[in-house]
Amino acid sequence: MVSRIRVLYFDGCPHFEGTLDLVRTIAGEDAVDVLEVGDERDAAQLRFFGSPTVQVDGVDIEPSARRRTDFTLGCRLYGASGLPPKRMIVDAIRGLET
C-alpha cells in the first residue's frame, strides 16, 4: 500500500524547503503533498504542531507528538538542524514506531 505523505508548513518557514527536499528524496517526488497552513483553525484541523510538520497517512512522523493537542502556527524544530531525522521519516513510512 502506498502511503500518503504530507509536508505542512506556513509561509516563511526557514526549514520548510530542506524538509520537503529530504522527504522527497526518501519517498519520491510524486509521493509528497504540500499544504500551507494559514490560520489557527486550520492548524487544529490538520493536527499541525508547527512548521514544518510531516505526516504519513495523517499521522505525525514523531511518535511522541501523536497525542499532543498544542496545535500552533509557530516554528517546529527537530534537533539542532531544524530538520526531521531521516530515520524518523523512513520509520514512519514503513509504519514503525521509533
PDB file of N, CA and C in Angstrom:
ATOM      1  N   MET A   1       0.828  -1.172   0.000  1.00  0.00           N
ATOM      2  CA  MET A   1       0.000   0.000   0.000  1.00  0.00           C
ATOM      3  C   MET A   1       0.882   1.249   0.000  1.00  0.00           C
ATOM      4  N   VAL A   2       0.560   2.204  -0.819  1.00  0.00           N
ATOM      5  CA  VAL A   2       1.310   3.448  -0.907  1.00  0.00           C
ATOM      6  C   VAL A   2       0.806   4.413   0.149  1.00  0.00           C
ATOM      7  N   SER A   3       1.735   4.987   0.896  1.00  0.00           N
ATOM      8  CA  SER A   3       1.379   5.941   1.934  1.00  0.00           C
ATOM      9  C   SER A   3       1.146   7.319   1.340  1.00  0.00           C
ATOM     10  N   ARG A   4       0.269   8.074   1.988  1.00  0.00           N
ATOM     11  CA  ARG A   4       0.050   9.474   1.647  1.00  0.00           C
ATOM     12  C   ARG A   4       0.921  10.302   2.587  1.00  0.00           C
ATOM     13  N   ILE A   5       1.847  11.023   2.029  1.00  0.00           N
ATOM     14  CA  ILE A   5       2.791  11.794   2.818  1.00  0.00           C
ATOM     15  C   ILE A   5       2.518  13.274   2.587  1.00  0.00           C
ATOM     16  N   ARG A   6       2.391  14.020   3.692  1.00  0.00           N
ATOM     17  CA  ARG A   6       2.146  15.452   3.602  1.00  0.00           C
ATOM     18  C   ARG A   6       3.221  16.212   4.355  1.00  0.00           C
ATOM     19  N   VAL A   7       3.658  17.297   3.753  1.00  0.00           N
ATOM     20  CA  VAL A   7       4.513  18.257   4.437  1.00  0.00           C
ATOM     21  C   VAL A   7       3.677  19.517   4.584  1.00  0.00           C
ATOM     22  N   LEU A   8       3.406  19.871   5.828  1.00  0.00           N
ATOM     23  CA  LEU A   8       2.613  21.052   6.149  1.00  0.00           C
ATOM     24  C   LEU A   8       3.556  22.155   6.615  1.00  0.00           C
ATOM     25  N   TYR A   9       3.255  23.390   6.257  1.00  0.00           N
ATOM     26  CA  TYR A   9       4.143  24.496   6.595  1.00  0.00           C
ATOM     27  C   TYR A   9       3.367  25.797   6.633  1.00  0.00           C
ATOM     28  N   PHE A  10       4.010  26.846   7.151  1.00  0.00           N
ATOM     29  CA  PHE A  10       3.460  28.181   6.989  1.00  0.00           C
ATOM     30  C   PHE A  10       4.451  29.003   6.189  1.00  0.00           C
ATOM     31  N   ASP A  11       3.945  29.994   5.491  1.00  0.00           N
ATOM     32  CA  ASP A  11       4.764  30.834   4.632  1.00  0.00           C
ATOM     33  C   ASP A  11       5.885  31.487   5.432  1.00  0.00           C
ATOM     34  N   GLY A  12       7.099  31.359   4.944  1.00  0.00           N
ATOM     35  CA  GLY A  12       8.260  31.952   5.594  1.00  0.00           C
ATOM     36  C   GLY A  12       9.023  30.999   6.504  1.00  0.00           C
ATOM     37  N   CYS A  13       8.598  29.770   6.611  1.00  0.00           N
ATOM     38  CA  CYS A  13       9.285  28.795   7.469  1.00  0.00           C
ATOM     39  C   CYS A  13      10.697  28.538   6.940  1.00  0.00           C
ATOM     40  N   PRO A  14      11.723  28.738   7.772  1.00  0.00           N
ATOM     41  CA  PRO A  14      13.090  28.556   7.298  1.00  0.00           C
ATOM     42  C   PRO A  14      13.494  27.102   7.066  1.00  0.00           C
ATOM     43  N   HIS A  15      12.724  26.147   7.604  1.00  0.00           N
ATOM     44  CA  HIS A  15      13.089  24.734   7.466  1.00  0.00           C
ATOM     45  C   HIS A  15      12.180  23.965   6.518  1.00  0.00           C
ATOM     46  N   PHE A  16      11.234  24.672   5.903  1.00  0.00           N
ATOM     47  CA  PHE A  16      10.292  24.006   5.005  1.00  0.00           C
ATOM     48  C   PHE A  16      10.982  23.390   3.792  1.00  0.00           C
ATOM     49  N   GLU A  17      11.759  24.178   3.059  1.00  0.00           N
ATOM     50  CA  GLU A  17      12.391  23.679   1.820  1.00  0.00           C
ATOM     51  C   GLU A  17      13.310  22.495   2.095  1.00  0.00           C
ATOM     52  N   GLY A  18      14.125  22.584   3.150  1.00  0.00           N
ATOM     53  CA  GLY A  18      15.028  21.482   3.490  1.00  0.00           C
ATOM     54  C   GLY A  18      14.274  20.222   3.854  1.00  0.00           C
ATOM     55  N   THR A  19      13.193  20.380   4.609  1.00  0.00           N
ATOM     56  CA  THR A  19      12.369  19.229   4.982  1.00  0.00           C
ATOM     57  C   THR A  19      11.689  18.629   3.757  1.00  0.00           C
ATOM     58  N   LEU A  20      11.143  19.469   2.908  1.00  0.00           N
ATOM     59  CA  LEU A  20      10.491  18.985   1.691  1.00  0.00           C
ATOM     60  C   LEU A  20      11.485  18.236   0.809  1.00  0.00           C
ATOM     61  N   ASP A  21      12.666  18.765   0.632  1.00  0.00           N
ATOM     62  CA  ASP A  21      13.694  18.084  -0.160  1.00  0.00           C
ATOM     63  C   ASP A  21      14.037  16.725   0.433  1.00  0.00           C
ATOM     64  N   LEU A  22      14.187  16.668   1.754  1.00  0.00           N
ATOM     65  CA  LEU A  22      14.516  15.421   2.433  1.00  0.00           C
ATOM     66  C   LEU A  22      13.410  14.386   2.254  1.00  0.00           C
ATOM     67  N   VAL A  23      12.179  14.793   2.461  1.00  0.00           N
ATOM     68  CA  VAL A  23      11.049  13.861   2.325  1.00  0.00           C
ATOM     69  C   VAL A  23      10.921  13.380   0.883  1.00  0.00           C
ATOM     70  N   ARG A  24      11.080  14.277  -0.080  1.00  0.00           N
ATOM     71  CA  ARG A  24      11.007  13.859  -1.489  1.00  0.00           C
ATOM     72  C   ARG A  24      12.148  12.929  -1.869  1.00  0.00           C
ATOM     73  N   THR A  25      13.309  13.141  -1.310  1.00  0.00           N
ATOM     74  CA  THR A  25      14.442  12.242  -1.572  1.00  0.00           C
ATOM     75  C   THR A  25      14.137  10.839  -1.061  1.00  0.00           C
ATOM     76  N   ILE A  26      13.508  10.752   0.086  1.00  0.00           N
ATOM     77  CA  ILE A  26      13.198   9.455   0.691  1.00  0.00           C
ATOM     78  C   ILE A  26      12.005   8.787   0.010  1.00  0.00           C
ATOM     79  N   ALA A  27      10.936   9.557  -0.207  1.00  0.00           N
ATOM     80  CA  ALA A  27       9.668   8.964  -0.660  1.00  0.00           C
ATOM     81  C   ALA A  27       9.417   9.079  -2.151  1.00  0.00           C
ATOM     82  N   GLY A  28      10.111   9.984  -2.809  1.00  0.00           N
ATOM     83  CA  GLY A  28       9.876  10.215  -4.221  1.00  0.00           C
ATOM     84  C   GLY A  28       9.083  11.492  -4.426  1.00  0.00           C
ATOM     85  N   GLU A  29       9.364  12.158  -5.514  1.00  0.00           N
ATOM     86  CA  GLU A  29       8.755  13.454  -5.833  1.00  0.00           C
ATOM     87  C   GLU A  29       7.231  13.402  -5.837  1.00  0.00           C
ATOM     88  N   ASP A  30       6.669  12.374  -6.437  1.00  0.00           N
ATOM     89  CA  ASP A  30       5.219  12.293  -6.614  1.00  0.00           C
ATOM     90  C   ASP A  30       4.472  11.784  -5.382  1.00  0.00           C
ATOM     91  N   ALA A  31       5.195  11.305  -4.379  1.00  0.00           N
ATOM     92  CA  ALA A  31       4.555  10.722  -3.203  1.00  0.00           C
ATOM     93  C   ALA A  31       4.228  11.752  -2.134  1.00  0.00           C
ATOM     94  N   VAL A  32       4.601  13.005  -2.361  1.00  0.00           N
ATOM     95  CA  VAL A  32       4.501  14.017  -1.315  1.00  0.00           C
ATOM     96  C   VAL A  32       3.520  15.121  -1.707  1.00  0.00           C
ATOM     97  N   ASP A  33       2.561  15.372  -0.816  1.00  0.00           N
ATOM     98  CA  ASP A  33       1.647  16.509  -0.947  1.00  0.00           C
ATOM     99  C   ASP A  33       2.175  17.628  -0.066  1.00  0.00           C
ATOM    100  N   VAL A  34       2.023  18.839  -0.518  1.00  0.00           N
ATOM    101  CA  VAL A  34       2.463  20.006   0.229  1.00  0.00           C
ATOM    102  C   VAL A  34       1.239  20.852   0.537  1.00  0.00           C
ATOM    103  N   LEU A  35       1.128  21.275   1.791  1.00  0.00           N
ATOM    104  CA  LEU A  35      -0.039  22.035   2.201  1.00  0.00           C
ATOM    105  C   LEU A  35       0.378  23.191   3.098  1.00  0.00           C
ATOM    106  N   GLU A  36      -0.001  24.397   2.689  1.00  0.00           N
ATOM    107  CA  GLU A  36       0.264  25.584   3.505  1.00  0.00           C
ATOM    108  C   GLU A  36      -0.861  25.744   4.525  1.00  0.00           C
ATOM    109  N   VAL A  37      -0.486  25.947   5.776  1.00  0.00           N
ATOM    110  CA  VAL A  37      -1.440  26.144   6.859  1.00  0.00           C
ATOM    111  C   VAL A  37      -1.562  27.645   7.104  1.00  0.00           C
ATOM    112  N   GLY A  38      -2.780  28.157   7.036  1.00  0.00           N
ATOM    113  CA  GLY A  38      -2.961  29.594   7.052  1.00  0.00           C
ATOM    114  C   GLY A  38      -3.391  30.216   8.363  1.00  0.00           C
ATOM    115  N   ASP A  39      -4.056  29.434   9.227  1.00  0.00           N
ATOM    116  CA  ASP A  39      -4.535  30.035  10.469  1.00  0.00           C
ATOM    117  C   ASP A  39      -4.648  28.970  11.557  1.00  0.00           C
ATOM    118  N   GLU A  40      -4.981  29.422  12.769  1.00  0.00           N
ATOM    119  CA  GLU A  40      -5.064  28.522  13.928  1.00  0.00           C
ATOM    120  C   GLU A  40      -6.147  27.449  13.753  1.00  0.00           C
ATOM    121  N   ARG A  41      -7.245  27.802  13.101  1.00  0.00           N
ATOM    122  CA  ARG A  41      -8.309  26.820  12.867  1.00  0.00           C
ATOM    123  C   ARG A  41      -7.800  25.693  11.990  1.00  0.00           C
ATOM    124  N   ASP A  42      -7.109  26.055  10.908  1.00  0.00           N
ATOM    125  CA  ASP A  42      -6.516  25.043  10.033  1.00  0.00           C
ATOM    126  C   ASP A  42      -5.482  24.222  10.791  1.00  0.00           C
ATOM    127  N   ALA A  43      -4.694  24.879  11.646  1.00  0.00           N
ATOM    128  CA  ALA A  43      -3.667  24.177  12.423  1.00  0.00           C
ATOM    129  C   ALA A  43      -4.301  23.077  13.272  1.00  0.00           C
ATOM    130  N   ALA A  44      -5.389  23.394  13.949  1.00  0.00           N
ATOM    131  CA  ALA A  44      -6.064  22.396  14.781  1.00  0.00           C
ATOM    132  C   ALA A  44      -6.678  21.288  13.935  1.00  0.00           C
ATOM    133  N   GLN A  45      -7.327  21.652  12.852  1.00  0.00           N
ATOM    134  CA  GLN A  45      -7.991  20.667  11.987  1.00  0.00           C
ATOM    135  C   GLN A  45      -6.982  19.698  11.373  1.00  0.00           C
ATOM    136  N   LEU A  46      -5.806  20.210  11.019  1.00  0.00           N
ATOM    137  CA  LEU A  46      -4.784  19.397  10.346  1.00  0.00           C
ATOM    138  C   LEU A  46      -3.782  18.756  11.310  1.00  0.00           C
ATOM    139  N   ARG A  47      -3.944  18.986  12.616  1.00  0.00           N
ATOM    140  CA  ARG A  47      -3.019  18.466  13.629  1.00  0.00           C
ATOM    141  C   ARG A  47      -1.596  18.956  13.345  1.00  0.00           C
ATOM    142  N   PHE A  48      -1.494  20.253  13.220  1.00  0.00           N
ATOM    143  CA  PHE A  48      -0.256  20.935  12.839  1.00  0.00           C
ATOM    144  C   PHE A  48       0.463  21.416  14.095  1.00  0.00           C
ATOM    145  N   PHE A  49       1.649  20.865  14.358  1.00  0.00           N
ATOM    146  CA  PHE A  49       2.416  21.186  15.555  1.00  0.00           C
ATOM    147  C   PHE A  49       3.501  22.220  15.286  1.00  0.00           C
ATOM    148  N   GLY A  50       3.364  22.942  14.228  1.00  0.00           N
ATOM    149  CA  GLY A  50       4.356  23.929  13.846  1.00  0.00           C
ATOM    150  C   GLY A  50       4.985  23.558  12.521  1.00  0.00           C
ATOM    151  N   SER A  51       5.686  24.513  11.977  1.00  0.00           N
ATOM    152  CA  SER A  51       6.243  24.366  10.636  1.00  0.00           C
ATOM    153  C   SER A  51       7.725  24.043  10.682  1.00  0.00           C
ATOM    154  N   PRO A  52       8.087  22.981   9.975  1.00  0.00           N
ATOM    155  CA  PRO A  52       7.304  22.060   9.151  1.00  0.00           C
ATOM    156  C   PRO A  52       6.780  20.879   9.968  1.00  0.00           C
ATOM    157  N   THR A  53       5.659  20.344   9.549  1.00  0.00           N
ATOM    158  CA  THR A  53       5.112  19.114  10.102  1.00  0.00           C
ATOM    159  C   THR A  53       5.024  18.107   8.966  1.00  0.00           C
ATOM    160  N   VAL A  54       5.463  16.887   9.239  1.00  0.00           N
ATOM    161  CA  VAL A  54       5.401  15.814   8.250  1.00  0.00           C
ATOM    162  C   VAL A  54       4.453  14.746   8.790  1.00  0.00           C
ATOM    163  N   GLN A  55       3.519  14.333   7.948  1.00  0.00           N
ATOM    164  CA  GLN A  55       2.552  13.303   8.320  1.00  0.00           C
ATOM    165  C   GLN A  55       2.553  12.193   7.274  1.00  0.00           C
ATOM    166  N   VAL A  56       2.385  10.981   7.748  1.00  0.00           N
ATOM    167  CA  VAL A  56       2.212   9.824   6.869  1.00  0.00           C
ATOM    168  C   VAL A  56       0.825   9.266   7.149  1.00  0.00           C
ATOM    169  N   ASP A  57      -0.006   9.256   6.131  1.00  0.00           N
ATOM    170  CA  ASP A  57      -1.399   8.825   6.264  1.00  0.00           C
ATOM    171  C   ASP A  57      -2.100   9.568   7.402  1.00  0.00           C
ATOM    172  N   GLY A  58      -1.814  10.868   7.514  1.00  0.00           N
ATOM    173  CA  GLY A  58      -2.454  11.716   8.507  1.00  0.00           C
ATOM    174  C   GLY A  58      -1.878  11.639   9.905  1.00  0.00           C
ATOM    175  N   VAL A  59      -0.827  10.847  10.089  1.00  0.00           N
ATOM    176  CA  VAL A  59      -0.224  10.646  11.403  1.00  0.00           C
ATOM    177  C   VAL A  59       1.152  11.304  11.426  1.00  0.00           C
ATOM    178  N   ASP A  60       1.417  12.069  12.483  1.00  0.00           N
ATOM    179  CA  ASP A  60       2.695  12.747  12.614  1.00  0.00           C
ATOM    180  C   ASP A  60       3.839  11.732  12.626  1.00  0.00           C
ATOM    181  N   ILE A  61       4.959  12.091  12.009  1.00  0.00           N
ATOM    182  CA  ILE A  61       6.104  11.170  11.961  1.00  0.00           C
ATOM    183  C   ILE A  61       6.785  11.018  13.309  1.00  0.00           C
ATOM    184  N   GLU A  62       6.561  11.953  14.211  1.00  0.00           N
ATOM    185  CA  GLU A  62       7.200  11.915  15.535  1.00  0.00           C
ATOM    186  C   GLU A  62       6.257  11.220  16.524  1.00  0.00           C
ATOM    187  N   PRO A  63       6.579  10.001  16.934  1.00  0.00           N
ATOM    188  CA  PRO A  63       5.666   9.257  17.808  1.00  0.00           C
ATOM    189  C   PRO A  63       5.274  10.018  19.072  1.00  0.00           C
ATOM    190  N   SER A  64       6.185  10.753  19.662  1.00  0.00           N
ATOM    191  CA  SER A  64       5.870  11.465  20.907  1.00  0.00           C
ATOM    192  C   SER A  64       4.891  12.617  20.696  1.00  0.00           C
ATOM    193  N   ALA A  65       4.684  13.030  19.464  1.00  0.00           N
ATOM    194  CA  ALA A  65       3.771  14.142  19.170  1.00  0.00           C
ATOM    195  C   ALA A  65       2.348  13.679  18.889  1.00  0.00           C
ATOM    196  N   ARG A  66       2.141  12.418  18.726  1.00  0.00           N
ATOM    197  CA  ARG A  66       0.855  11.921  18.230  1.00  0.00           C
ATOM    198  C   ARG A  66      -0.313  12.137  19.180  1.00  0.00           C
ATOM    199  N   ARG A  67      -0.065  12.287  20.448  1.00  0.00           N
ATOM    200  CA  ARG A  67      -1.144  12.510  21.417  1.00  0.00           C
ATOM    201  C   ARG A  67      -1.245  13.965  21.843  1.00  0.00           C
ATOM    202  N   ARG A  68      -0.389  14.799  21.303  1.00  0.00           N
ATOM    203  CA  ARG A  68      -0.400  16.217  21.662  1.00  0.00           C
ATOM    204  C   ARG A  68      -1.626  16.917  21.087  1.00  0.00           C
ATOM    205  N   THR A  69      -1.961  18.036  21.696  1.00  0.00           N
ATOM    206  CA  THR A  69      -3.074  18.852  21.215  1.00  0.00           C
ATOM    207  C   THR A  69      -2.702  20.330  21.159  1.00  0.00           C
ATOM    208  N   ASP A  70      -1.412  20.635  21.239  1.00  0.00           N
ATOM    209  CA  ASP A  70      -0.954  22.030  21.232  1.00  0.00           C
ATOM    210  C   ASP A  70      -0.641  22.492  19.811  1.00  0.00           C
ATOM    211  N   PHE A  71      -1.665  22.534  18.994  1.00  0.00           N
ATOM    212  CA  PHE A  71      -1.517  22.917  17.593  1.00  0.00           C
ATOM    213  C   PHE A  71      -1.193  24.405  17.509  1.00  0.00           C
ATOM    214  N   THR A  72      -0.285  24.771  16.589  1.00  0.00           N
ATOM    215  CA  THR A  72       0.175  26.153  16.539  1.00  0.00           C
ATOM    216  C   THR A  72       0.719  26.520  15.169  1.00  0.00           C
ATOM    217  N   LEU A  73       0.773  27.809  14.907  1.00  0.00           N
ATOM    218  CA  LEU A  73       1.401  28.314  13.689  1.00  0.00           C
ATOM    219  C   LEU A  73       2.873  28.661  13.922  1.00  0.00           C
ATOM    220  N   GLY A  74       3.449  28.240  15.015  1.00  0.00           N
ATOM    221  CA  GLY A  74       4.847  28.523  15.319  1.00  0.00           C
ATOM    222  C   GLY A  74       5.807  27.631  14.563  1.00  0.00           C
ATOM    223  N   CYS A  75       7.080  27.862  14.814  1.00  0.00           N
ATOM    224  CA  CYS A  75       8.132  27.036  14.213  1.00  0.00           C
ATOM    225  C   CYS A  75       8.238  25.706  14.944  1.00  0.00           C
ATOM    226  N   ARG A  76       8.664  24.699  14.220  1.00  0.00           N
ATOM    227  CA  ARG A  76       8.906  23.374  14.791  1.00  0.00           C
ATOM    228  C   ARG A  76      10.324  22.976  14.446  1.00  0.00           C
ATOM    229  N   LEU A  77      11.064  22.584  15.474  1.00  0.00           N
ATOM    230  CA  LEU A  77      12.448  22.168  15.263  1.00  0.00           C
ATOM    231  C   LEU A  77      12.595  20.703  15.623  1.00  0.00           C
ATOM    232  N   TYR A  78      13.344  20.015  14.823  1.00  0.00           N
ATOM    233  CA  TYR A  78      13.669  18.612  15.076  1.00  0.00           C
ATOM    234  C   TYR A  78      15.170  18.552  15.345  1.00  0.00           C
ATOM    235  N   GLY A  79      15.593  18.850  16.533  1.00  0.00           N
ATOM    236  CA  GLY A  79      17.015  18.824  16.849  1.00  0.00           C
ATOM    237  C   GLY A  79      17.735  20.065  16.351  1.00  0.00           C
ATOM    238  N   ALA A  80      19.044  20.015  16.364  1.00  0.00           N
ATOM    239  CA  ALA A  80      19.878  21.177  16.066  1.00  0.00           C
ATOM    240  C   ALA A  80      19.713  21.694  14.636  1.00  0.00           C
ATOM    241  N   SER A  81      19.479  20.826  13.684  1.00  0.00           N
ATOM    242  CA  SER A  81      19.391  21.254  12.286  1.00  0.00           C
ATOM    243  C   SER A  81      18.027  21.864  11.958  1.00  0.00           C
ATOM    244  N   GLY A  82      17.031  21.573  12.766  1.00  0.00           N
ATOM    245  CA  GLY A  82      15.677  22.023  12.477  1.00  0.00           C
ATOM    246  C   GLY A  82      14.917  21.073  11.572  1.00  0.00           C
ATOM    247  N   LEU A  83      15.621  20.136  10.948  1.00  0.00           N
ATOM    248  CA  LEU A  83      15.003  19.176  10.023  1.00  0.00           C
ATOM    249  C   LEU A  83      14.706  17.867  10.744  1.00  0.00           C
ATOM    250  N   PRO A  84      13.642  17.170  10.350  1.00  0.00           N
ATOM    251  CA  PRO A  84      13.390  15.868  10.961  1.00  0.00           C
ATOM    252  C   PRO A  84      14.490  14.879  10.569  1.00  0.00           C
ATOM    253  N   PRO A  85      14.855  13.999  11.490  1.00  0.00           N
ATOM    254  CA  PRO A  85      15.855  12.990  11.152  1.00  0.00           C
ATOM    255  C   PRO A  85      15.353  12.046  10.054  1.00  0.00           C
ATOM    256  N   LYS A  86      16.242  11.691   9.166  1.00  0.00           N
ATOM    257  CA  LYS A  86      15.901  10.786   8.064  1.00  0.00           C
ATOM    258  C   LYS A  86      15.273   9.496   8.598  1.00  0.00           C
ATOM    259  N   ARG A  87      15.836   8.948   9.658  1.00  0.00           N
ATOM    260  CA  ARG A  87      15.341   7.689  10.224  1.00  0.00           C
ATOM    261  C   ARG A  87      13.889   7.825  10.669  1.00  0.00           C
ATOM    262  N   MET A  88      13.496   8.969  11.237  1.00  0.00           N
ATOM    263  CA  MET A  88      12.131   9.183  11.688  1.00  0.00           C
ATOM    264  C   MET A  88      11.167   9.135  10.499  1.00  0.00           C
ATOM    265  N   ILE A  89      11.572   9.730   9.401  1.00  0.00           N
ATOM    266  CA  ILE A  89      10.730   9.732   8.194  1.00  0.00           C
ATOM    267  C   ILE A  89      10.603   8.320   7.632  1.00  0.00           C
ATOM    268  N   VAL A  90      11.720   7.636   7.505  1.00  0.00           N
ATOM    269  CA  VAL A  90      11.726   6.274   6.964  1.00  0.00           C
ATOM    270  C   VAL A  90      10.882   5.353   7.833  1.00  0.00           C
ATOM    271  N   ASP A  91      11.065   5.426   9.159  1.00  0.00           N
ATOM    272  CA  ASP A  91      10.293   4.560  10.058  1.00  0.00           C
ATOM    273  C   ASP A  91       8.799   4.850   9.964  1.00  0.00           C
ATOM    274  N   ALA A  92       8.430   6.123   9.845  1.00  0.00           N
ATOM    275  CA  ALA A  92       7.012   6.473   9.728  1.00  0.00           C
ATOM    276  C   ALA A  92       6.412   5.913   8.442  1.00  0.00           C
ATOM    277  N   ILE A  93       7.146   6.010   7.357  1.00  0.00           N
ATOM    278  CA  ILE A  93       6.668   5.476   6.078  1.00  0.00           C
ATOM    279  C   ILE A  93       6.505   3.967   6.155  1.00  0.00           C
ATOM    280  N   ARG A  94       7.413   3.325   6.820  1.00  0.00           N
ATOM    281  CA  ARG A  94       7.354   1.854   6.960  1.00  0.00           C
ATOM    282  C   ARG A  94       6.361   1.398   8.018  1.00  0.00           C
ATOM    283  N   GLY A  95       5.814   2.358   8.766  1.00  0.00           N
ATOM    284  CA  GLY A  95       4.859   2.019   9.806  1.00  0.00           C
ATOM    285  C   GLY A  95       5.503   1.546  11.087  1.00  0.00           C
ATOM    286  N   LEU A  96       6.758   1.931  11.308  1.00  0.00           N
ATOM    287  CA  LEU A  96       7.478   1.509  12.511  1.00  0.00           C
ATOM    288  C   LEU A  96       7.375   2.571  13.584  1.00  0.00           C
ATOM    289  N   GLU A  97       7.297   2.150  14.824  1.00  0.00           N
ATOM    290  CA  GLU A  97       7.363   3.070  15.961  1.00  0.00           C
ATOM    291  C   GLU A  97       8.821   3.307  16.279  1.00  0.00           C
ATOM    292  N   THR A  98       9.167   4.585  16.509  1.00  0.00           N
ATOM    293  CA  THR A  98      10.549   4.906  16.883  1.00  0.00           C
ATOM    294  C   THR A  98      10.591   5.441  18.282  1.00  0.00           C
TER     295      THR A  98
END
